[in-house]
Amino acid sequence: MLDTLTFLLEKLFLLAHIKLSSLLPPLRRREPPLTRRCDRDEAPVQPAGAPHKFRRGDLLEVPRTLFTHFGIYLGEERVAHLIPDILPALTADSRQIQEMVTNARLLLGVLSKRATVRVDSVEDFAYGGGILLNAMDRAVLRSPLSEEEVARRAERLVGSVSYSLLWNNCEHFVTYCRYGTAQSLQTDKFCEWLKSLIRDQRSVVLAALLGLLSMACGGMSFSTALPTLLVPFTLWMAG
């Protein structure tokens, strides 16, 4: 049951690395044990095309409209980053795999839970976006590892890896490399929001109304009546 719910949640948020803080209402909550209060969005963004002054082991973020992508700078204009990709499962041709990942490859990688830690140029990694430098250092309580250790961890992980939108994405990759513990602040925010949604008794009423609507449209049957009763009851008991 838990695996099914996790699968449905992952497909609901199909675009990996969604910046959930911009989509969800603010919550009053305790901070996760590895984080402290800060506003990473206030960190200066280095514009695309600006001269790069990165050091080996730096953590790079590329904010976009709906998502943020993360990578570890390896030096010599190279960045290691984890990205969903179906192609390594279909071919061993390194030349094809190293080509820029298309949206279709990324989408199929998310669906098949396959990804790769690859090394690209800073330009290809940023894809025209501005770059935040070590902005996560303001949000994570753990001190960064040494620059060389961060880079070596990233280099050791280059290759095919399993992928999970909530539990093993590009943010988990960079936090493991830089701080020694894999964590996604965006996943933490989503889980907190989900708990607040379950605790909000208005969701029980909404679920019941949606169930009645499905029964009105699809007719009275076991397949429509069971969710209409079970979902609101589960939310009520969990609230």
Protein backbone atom coordinates (compact mmCIF):
# COMPACT_ATOMS: atom_id res chain seq x y z
CA MET A 1 0.00 0.00 0.00
CA LEU A 2 2.81 2.41 0.95
CA ASP A 3 4.71 1.58 -2.24
CA THR A 4 1.59 2.31 -4.29
CA LEU A 5 1.04 5.68 -2.62
CA THR A 6 4.70 6.61 -3.10
CA PHE A 7 4.50 5.65 -6.78
CA LEU A 8 1.40 7.81 -7.28
CA LEU A 9 3.00 10.77 -5.51
CA GLU A 10 6.11 10.51 -7.65
CA LYS A 11 4.13 10.48 -10.85
CA LEU A 12 2.04 13.42 -9.62
CA PHE A 13 5.18 15.53 -9.31
CA LEU A 14 6.66 14.30 -12.58
CA LEU A 15 8.99 17.22 -13.11
CA ALA A 16 11.77 16.34 -10.75
CA HIS A 17 13.34 19.02 -8.57
CA ILE A 18 10.12 21.13 -8.44
CA LYS A 19 10.62 24.15 -6.23
CA LEU A 20 7.79 23.25 -3.88
CA SER A 21 8.30 26.32 -1.71
CA SER A 22 6.99 28.45 -4.57
CA LEU A 23 3.92 26.27 -5.14
CA LEU A 24 2.80 25.47 -1.61
CA PRO A 25 1.49 27.71 1.20
CA PRO A 26 4.00 28.58 3.96
CA LEU A 27 3.92 26.35 7.02
CA ARG A 28 4.59 27.00 10.67
CA ARG A 29 6.72 24.06 11.66
CA ARG A 30 9.89 22.93 13.29
CA GLU A 31 12.92 22.96 11.08
CA PRO A 32 14.36 19.60 9.98
CA PRO A 33 17.34 18.56 12.13
CA LEU A 34 19.85 19.26 9.36
CA THR A 35 18.57 22.71 8.41
CA ARG A 36 18.22 26.19 9.82
CA ARG A 37 16.07 29.15 8.83
CA CYS A 38 17.37 31.12 5.89
CA ASP A 39 16.31 32.47 2.54
CA ARG A 40 18.41 30.83 -0.15
CA ASP A 41 16.56 32.77 -2.82
CA GLU A 42 18.29 35.93 -1.56
CA ALA A 43 21.69 34.54 -2.52
CA PRO A 44 23.17 36.38 -5.50
CA VAL A 45 22.73 34.63 -8.84
CA GLN A 46 25.67 34.59 -11.21
CA PRO A 47 24.22 35.45 -14.66
CA ALA A 48 24.59 33.03 -17.54
CA GLY A 49 27.66 33.85 -19.58
CA ALA A 50 29.44 35.62 -16.69
CA PRO A 51 33.07 34.65 -16.01
CA HIS A 52 33.12 31.58 -13.76
CA LYS A 53 35.09 31.76 -10.50
CA PHE A 54 34.21 28.37 -9.10
CA ARG A 55 36.43 26.17 -6.95
CA ARG A 56 36.64 22.39 -7.13
CA GLY A 57 33.99 21.00 -4.78
CA ASP A 58 31.60 23.97 -5.02
CA LEU A 59 27.87 23.26 -5.02
CA LEU A 60 26.10 24.90 -7.97
CA GLU A 61 22.35 25.58 -8.20
CA VAL A 62 20.45 26.66 -11.28
CA PRO A 63 17.04 28.11 -10.29
CA ARG A 64 14.34 27.88 -12.93
CA THR A 65 10.68 28.84 -13.05
CA LEU A 66 9.39 25.53 -11.68
CA PHE A 67 12.45 23.63 -10.55
CA THR A 68 16.04 23.90 -9.36
CA HIS A 69 18.91 21.76 -10.61
CA PHE A 70 22.03 20.97 -8.57
CA GLY A 71 25.58 19.92 -9.38
CA ILE A 72 29.12 19.68 -8.00
CA TYR A 73 31.90 21.62 -9.71
CA LEU A 74 34.90 19.40 -10.54
CA GLY A 75 37.21 22.03 -11.99
CA GLU A 76 38.16 22.88 -15.57
CA GLU A 77 34.58 23.99 -16.38
CA ARG A 78 33.17 20.53 -15.56
CA VAL A 79 30.11 19.80 -13.39
CA ALA A 80 28.90 16.44 -12.06
CA HIS A 81 25.13 16.25 -11.71
CA LEU A 82 22.43 13.61 -11.38
CA ILE A 83 19.72 13.67 -14.02
CA PRO A 84 16.95 11.20 -14.96
CA ASP A 85 17.87 9.46 -18.21
CA ILE A 86 16.50 6.34 -19.89
CA LEU A 87 19.20 6.04 -22.57
CA PRO A 88 21.91 4.25 -20.50
CA ALA A 89 19.42 1.40 -20.02
CA LEU A 90 18.92 1.10 -23.78
CA THR A 91 22.42 1.44 -25.19
CA ALA A 92 26.07 1.22 -24.20
CA ASP A 93 27.13 3.79 -26.80
CA SER A 94 28.92 6.37 -24.66
CA ARG A 95 28.84 8.93 -27.46
CA GLN A 96 25.04 8.85 -27.61
CA ILE A 97 24.70 8.86 -23.84
CA GLN A 98 26.96 11.89 -23.47
CA GLU A 99 24.80 13.96 -25.80
CA MET A 100 22.59 16.51 -24.07
CA VAL A 101 19.60 14.87 -22.36
CA THR A 102 16.36 15.68 -24.15
CA ASN A 103 13.01 16.18 -22.42
CA ALA A 104 11.85 12.78 -23.70
CA ARG A 105 14.91 11.04 -22.23
CA LEU A 106 14.40 12.85 -18.93
CA LEU A 107 10.67 12.03 -18.77
CA LEU A 108 11.23 8.35 -19.52
CA GLY A 109 14.02 8.29 -16.95
CA VAL A 110 11.63 9.59 -14.27
CA LEU A 111 8.98 7.02 -15.20
CA SER A 112 11.47 4.13 -15.26
CA LYS A 113 13.31 5.37 -12.14
CA ARG A 114 16.63 5.43 -13.98
CA ALA A 115 19.19 8.20 -13.82
CA THR A 116 22.85 8.89 -14.41
CA VAL A 117 25.46 10.98 -12.68
CA ARG A 118 27.16 12.63 -15.65
CA VAL A 119 29.83 15.27 -16.19
CA ASP A 120 28.97 18.22 -18.42
CA SER A 121 30.37 21.65 -19.06
CA VAL A 122 29.16 24.51 -16.89
CA GLU A 123 27.38 25.94 -19.91
CA ASP A 124 25.47 22.74 -20.64
CA PHE A 125 24.68 22.25 -16.95
CA ALA A 126 23.28 25.77 -16.54
CA TYR A 127 21.38 25.62 -19.86
CA GLY A 128 21.18 29.39 -20.03
CA GLY A 129 20.20 29.93 -16.39
CA GLY A 130 21.97 31.88 -13.67
CA ILE A 131 24.00 29.95 -11.10
CA LEU A 132 23.85 30.13 -7.29
CA LEU A 133 27.17 29.31 -5.62
CA ASN A 134 27.12 27.28 -2.38
CA ALA A 135 23.74 28.78 -1.44
CA MET A 136 22.76 25.62 0.41
CA ASP A 137 25.54 26.22 2.95
CA ARG A 138 23.15 28.77 4.49
CA ALA A 139 20.38 26.19 4.86
CA VAL A 140 22.22 23.09 6.10
CA LEU A 141 23.54 22.85 9.64
CA ARG A 142 26.31 20.43 8.74
CA SER A 143 29.60 21.98 7.71
CA PRO A 144 30.79 21.22 4.17
CA LEU A 145 33.44 18.55 3.74
CA SER A 146 36.81 19.52 2.30
CA GLU A 147 36.67 20.69 -1.30
CA GLU A 148 38.69 17.74 -2.56
CA GLU A 149 36.56 15.21 -0.66
CA VAL A 150 33.38 16.73 -2.12
CA ALA A 151 34.71 16.48 -5.66
CA ARG A 152 36.02 12.94 -5.16
CA ARG A 153 32.67 11.76 -3.84
CA ALA A 154 30.97 13.17 -6.93
CA GLU A 155 33.51 11.57 -9.27
CA ARG A 156 33.11 8.16 -7.61
CA LEU A 157 29.36 8.24 -8.25
CA VAL A 158 29.59 9.02 -11.98
CA GLY A 159 27.56 6.47 -13.93
CA SER A 160 24.10 4.91 -13.85
CA VAL A 161 22.14 5.11 -10.60
CA SER A 162 18.59 4.43 -9.47
CA TYR A 163 16.26 7.42 -9.37
CA SER A 164 13.41 8.45 -7.11
CA LEU A 165 11.67 11.80 -7.39
CA LEU A 166 11.21 12.05 -3.63
CA TRP A 167 14.03 9.94 -2.19
CA ASN A 168 16.99 10.01 -4.60
CA ASN A 169 17.17 13.08 -6.85
CA CYS A 170 19.87 15.59 -7.79
CA GLU A 171 19.54 17.38 -4.46
CA HIS A 172 20.22 14.17 -2.54
CA PHE A 173 23.30 13.66 -4.72
CA VAL A 174 24.87 17.06 -3.99
CA THR A 175 24.05 17.06 -0.27
CA TYR A 176 25.65 13.64 0.10
CA CYS A 177 28.76 14.84 -1.71
CA ARG A 178 29.11 18.17 0.08
CA TYR A 179 27.77 17.47 3.59
CA GLY A 180 28.08 13.69 3.95
CA THR A 181 24.33 13.07 4.29
CA ALA A 182 21.82 12.82 1.46
CA GLN A 183 18.87 15.15 1.97
CA SER A 184 16.36 17.08 -0.14
CA LEU A 185 15.00 20.25 1.43
CA GLN A 186 12.25 20.32 -1.17
CA THR A 187 11.17 16.77 -0.26
CA ASP A 188 11.11 17.80 3.41
CA LYS A 189 8.85 20.73 2.59
CA PHE A 190 6.54 18.53 0.54
CA CYS A 191 6.21 15.97 3.35
CA GLU A 192 5.44 18.72 5.86
CA TRP A 193 2.83 20.16 3.50
CA LEU A 194 1.32 16.72 2.97
CA LYS A 195 1.02 16.20 6.73
CA SER A 196 -0.66 19.58 7.15
CA LEU A 197 -3.06 18.71 4.33
CA ILE A 198 -4.00 15.42 5.98
CA ARG A 199 -4.52 17.15 9.32
CA ASP A 200 -6.76 19.78 7.75
CA GLN A 201 -10.29 18.42 8.20
CA ARG A 202 -11.47 20.37 5.16
CA SER A 203 -9.69 17.75 3.07
CA VAL A 204 -12.12 15.16 4.44
CA VAL A 205 -15.07 17.17 3.12
CA LEU A 206 -13.33 17.73 -0.23
CA ALA A 207 -12.54 14.01 -0.59
CA ALA A 208 -16.14 13.10 0.22
CA LEU A 209 -17.49 15.59 -2.33
CA LEU A 210 -15.14 14.28 -5.01
CA GLY A 211 -16.23 10.75 -4.20
CA LEU A 212 -19.89 11.64 -4.51
CA LEU A 213 -19.15 13.40 -7.79
CA SER A 214 -17.42 10.29 -9.15
CA MET A 215 -20.42 8.19 -8.11
CA ALA A 216 -22.77 10.62 -9.84
CA CYS A 217 -20.73 10.49 -13.05
CA GLY A 218 -19.77 6.82 -13.03
CA GLY A 219 -22.78 5.37 -11.30
CA MET A 220 -23.11 3.41 -8.09
CA SER A 221 -20.69 0.50 -8.02
CA PHE A 222 -18.18 -1.14 -5.71
CA SER A 223 -15.26 0.59 -7.49
CA THR A 224 -16.75 4.05 -6.87
CA ALA A 225 -18.40 3.48 -3.49
CA LEU A 226 -15.33 2.00 -1.76
CA PRO A 227 -13.00 4.99 -2.41
CA THR A 228 -15.84 7.40 -1.55
CA LEU A 229 -16.06 5.85 1.91
CA LEU A 230 -12.46 4.73 2.48
CA VAL A 231 -10.56 7.90 1.51
CA PRO A 232 -12.54 10.37 3.70
CA PHE A 233 -12.49 7.86 6.58
CA THR A 234 -8.72 7.43 6.31
CA LEU A 235 -8.16 11.20 6.24
CA TRP A 236 -10.48 11.64 9.22
CA MET A 237 -8.63 9.04 11.30
CA ALA A 238 -5.21 10.39 10.30
CA GLY A 239 -6.15 13.99 11.07
